[in-house]
Amino acid sequence: MSNQSGILGVFLGFLTGVVWLLLALLGFITDFLTLIGLDGALGDILNIVVALIGFLTSVWFGLCLFKKAWRYCRGHKHGC
């Protein structure tokens, strides 16, 4: 059971990183920061930081997910 929850946690981490990256790239973060009055250079910097964190999170958890799937498939030779 702990192996399944570990994979689920890694997948949710990957999915969260992708969502934050998409929110930043599609401009929702910029619109929200403009709505609360943080537009201009500070809003741009925060948008870039959120996009960078989302990208790094998706890459890191994607690599962990790939490693877990690779180990699982290497252990089960048939049917994978």
C-alpha atoms as a PDB file:
ATOM      1  CA  MET A   1       0.000   0.000   0.000  1.00  0.00           C
ATOM      2  CA  SER A   2       2.815   2.429   0.740  1.00  0.00           C
ATOM      3  CA  ASN A   3       4.198   1.937  -2.772  1.00  0.00           C
ATOM      4  CA  GLN A   4       0.855   2.943  -4.304  1.00  0.00           C
ATOM      5  CA  SER A   5       0.518   6.030  -2.151  1.00  0.00           C
ATOM      6  CA  GLY A   6       4.108   6.977  -3.046  1.00  0.00           C
ATOM      7  CA  ILE A   7       3.314   6.790  -6.733  1.00  0.00           C
ATOM      8  CA  LEU A   8       0.089   8.716  -6.181  1.00  0.00           C
ATOM      9  CA  GLY A   9       1.971  11.452  -4.323  1.00  0.00           C
ATOM     10  CA  VAL A  10       4.552  11.733  -7.084  1.00  0.00           C
ATOM     11  CA  PHE A  11       1.824  11.875  -9.738  1.00  0.00           C
ATOM     12  CA  LEU A  12      -0.063  14.575  -7.834  1.00  0.00           C
ATOM     13  CA  GLY A  13       3.163  16.551  -7.465  1.00  0.00           C
ATOM     14  CA  PHE A  14       3.728  16.336 -11.219  1.00  0.00           C
ATOM     15  CA  LEU A  15       0.136  17.349 -11.916  1.00  0.00           C
ATOM     16  CA  THR A  16       0.369  20.300  -9.514  1.00  0.00           C
ATOM     17  CA  GLY A  17       3.527  21.535 -11.230  1.00  0.00           C
ATOM     18  CA  VAL A  18       1.850  21.335 -14.632  1.00  0.00           C
ATOM     19  CA  VAL A  19      -1.200  23.236 -13.368  1.00  0.00           C
ATOM     20  CA  TRP A  20       0.924  26.054 -11.880  1.00  0.00           C
ATOM     21  CA  LEU A  21       2.944  26.259 -15.099  1.00  0.00           C
ATOM     22  CA  LEU A  22      -0.215  26.480 -17.211  1.00  0.00           C
ATOM     23  CA  LEU A  23      -1.744  29.098 -14.928  1.00  0.00           C
ATOM     24  CA  ALA A  24       1.364  31.247 -15.312  1.00  0.00           C
ATOM     25  CA  LEU A  25       1.706  30.742 -19.065  1.00  0.00           C
ATOM     26  CA  LEU A  26      -1.961  31.385 -19.847  1.00  0.00           C
ATOM     27  CA  GLY A  27      -1.933  34.653 -17.906  1.00  0.00           C
ATOM     28  CA  PHE A  28      -4.223  33.767 -14.999  1.00  0.00           C
ATOM     29  CA  ILE A  29      -1.516  34.635 -12.477  1.00  0.00           C
ATOM     30  CA  THR A  30      -0.959  38.014 -14.123  1.00  0.00           C
ATOM     31  CA  ASP A  31      -4.704  38.730 -14.148  1.00  0.00           C
ATOM     32  CA  PHE A  32      -4.978  37.795 -10.469  1.00  0.00           C
ATOM     33  CA  LEU A  33      -2.002  39.947  -9.511  1.00  0.00           C
ATOM     34  CA  THR A  34      -3.468  42.860 -11.468  1.00  0.00           C
ATOM     35  CA  LEU A  35      -6.797  42.340  -9.704  1.00  0.00           C
ATOM     36  CA  ILE A  36      -5.194  42.663  -6.271  1.00  0.00           C
ATOM     37  CA  GLY A  37      -3.066  45.630  -7.344  1.00  0.00           C
ATOM     38  CA  LEU A  38       0.338  44.004  -7.914  1.00  0.00           C
ATOM     39  CA  ASP A  39       0.745  44.836 -11.565  1.00  0.00           C
ATOM     40  CA  GLY A  40       3.882  46.172 -13.169  1.00  0.00           C
ATOM     41  CA  ALA A  41       7.388  44.873 -12.577  1.00  0.00           C
ATOM     42  CA  LEU A  42       6.527  43.089  -9.315  1.00  0.00           C
ATOM     43  CA  GLY A  43       3.663  41.225 -10.986  1.00  0.00           C
ATOM     44  CA  ASP A  44       5.915  40.205 -13.869  1.00  0.00           C
ATOM     45  CA  ILE A  45       8.587  38.943 -11.496  1.00  0.00           C
ATOM     46  CA  LEU A  46       6.043  36.948  -9.466  1.00  0.00           C
ATOM     47  CA  ASN A  47       4.601  35.489 -12.680  1.00  0.00           C
ATOM     48  CA  ILE A  48       8.060  34.366 -13.799  1.00  0.00           C
ATOM     49  CA  VAL A  49       8.787  32.880 -10.356  1.00  0.00           C
ATOM     50  CA  VAL A  50       5.515  30.923 -10.368  1.00  0.00           C
ATOM     51  CA  ALA A  51       6.196  29.655 -13.906  1.00  0.00           C
ATOM     52  CA  LEU A  52       9.739  28.646 -12.971  1.00  0.00           C
ATOM     53  CA  ILE A  53       8.598  26.828  -9.834  1.00  0.00           C
ATOM     54  CA  GLY A  54       5.861  25.055 -11.811  1.00  0.00           C
ATOM     55  CA  PHE A  55       8.348  24.001 -14.483  1.00  0.00           C
ATOM     56  CA  LEU A  56      10.928  22.742 -11.997  1.00  0.00           C
ATOM     57  CA  THR A  57       8.254  20.911 -10.001  1.00  0.00           C
ATOM     58  CA  SER A  58       6.874  19.157 -13.061  1.00  0.00           C
ATOM     59  CA  VAL A  59      10.366  18.171 -14.227  1.00  0.00           C
ATOM     60  CA  TRP A  60      11.401  16.902 -10.773  1.00  0.00           C
ATOM     61  CA  PHE A  61       8.234  14.917 -10.079  1.00  0.00           C
ATOM     62  CA  GLY A  62       8.096  13.720 -13.690  1.00  0.00           C
ATOM     63  CA  LEU A  63      11.590  12.304 -13.296  1.00  0.00           C
ATOM     64  CA  CYS A  64      10.608  10.646 -10.012  1.00  0.00           C
ATOM     65  CA  LEU A  65       7.484   9.208 -11.639  1.00  0.00           C
ATOM     66  CA  PHE A  66       9.543   7.847 -14.534  1.00  0.00           C
ATOM     67  CA  LYS A  67      12.040   6.280 -12.109  1.00  0.00           C
ATOM     68  CA  LYS A  68       9.263   4.592 -10.105  1.00  0.00           C
ATOM     69  CA  ALA A  69       7.636   3.251 -13.284  1.00  0.00           C
ATOM     70  CA  TRP A  70      11.010   2.095 -14.584  1.00  0.00           C
ATOM     71  CA  ARG A  71      11.777   0.208 -11.368  1.00  0.00           C
ATOM     72  CA  TYR A  72       8.320  -1.335 -11.355  1.00  0.00           C
ATOM     73  CA  CYS A  73       8.624  -2.514 -14.961  1.00  0.00           C
ATOM     74  CA  ARG A  74      12.145  -3.851 -14.424  1.00  0.00           C
ATOM     75  CA  GLY A  75      10.919  -5.937 -11.488  1.00  0.00           C
ATOM     76  CA  HIS A  76       7.985  -7.383 -13.443  1.00  0.00           C
ATOM     77  CA  LYS A  77       9.431  -8.736 -16.675  1.00  0.00           C
ATOM     78  CA  HIS A  78       6.179 -10.123 -18.092  1.00  0.00           C
ATOM     79  CA  GLY A  79       3.211  -7.953 -18.953  1.00  0.00           C
ATOM     80  CA  CYS A  80       4.770  -4.542 -18.615  1.00  0.00           C
END
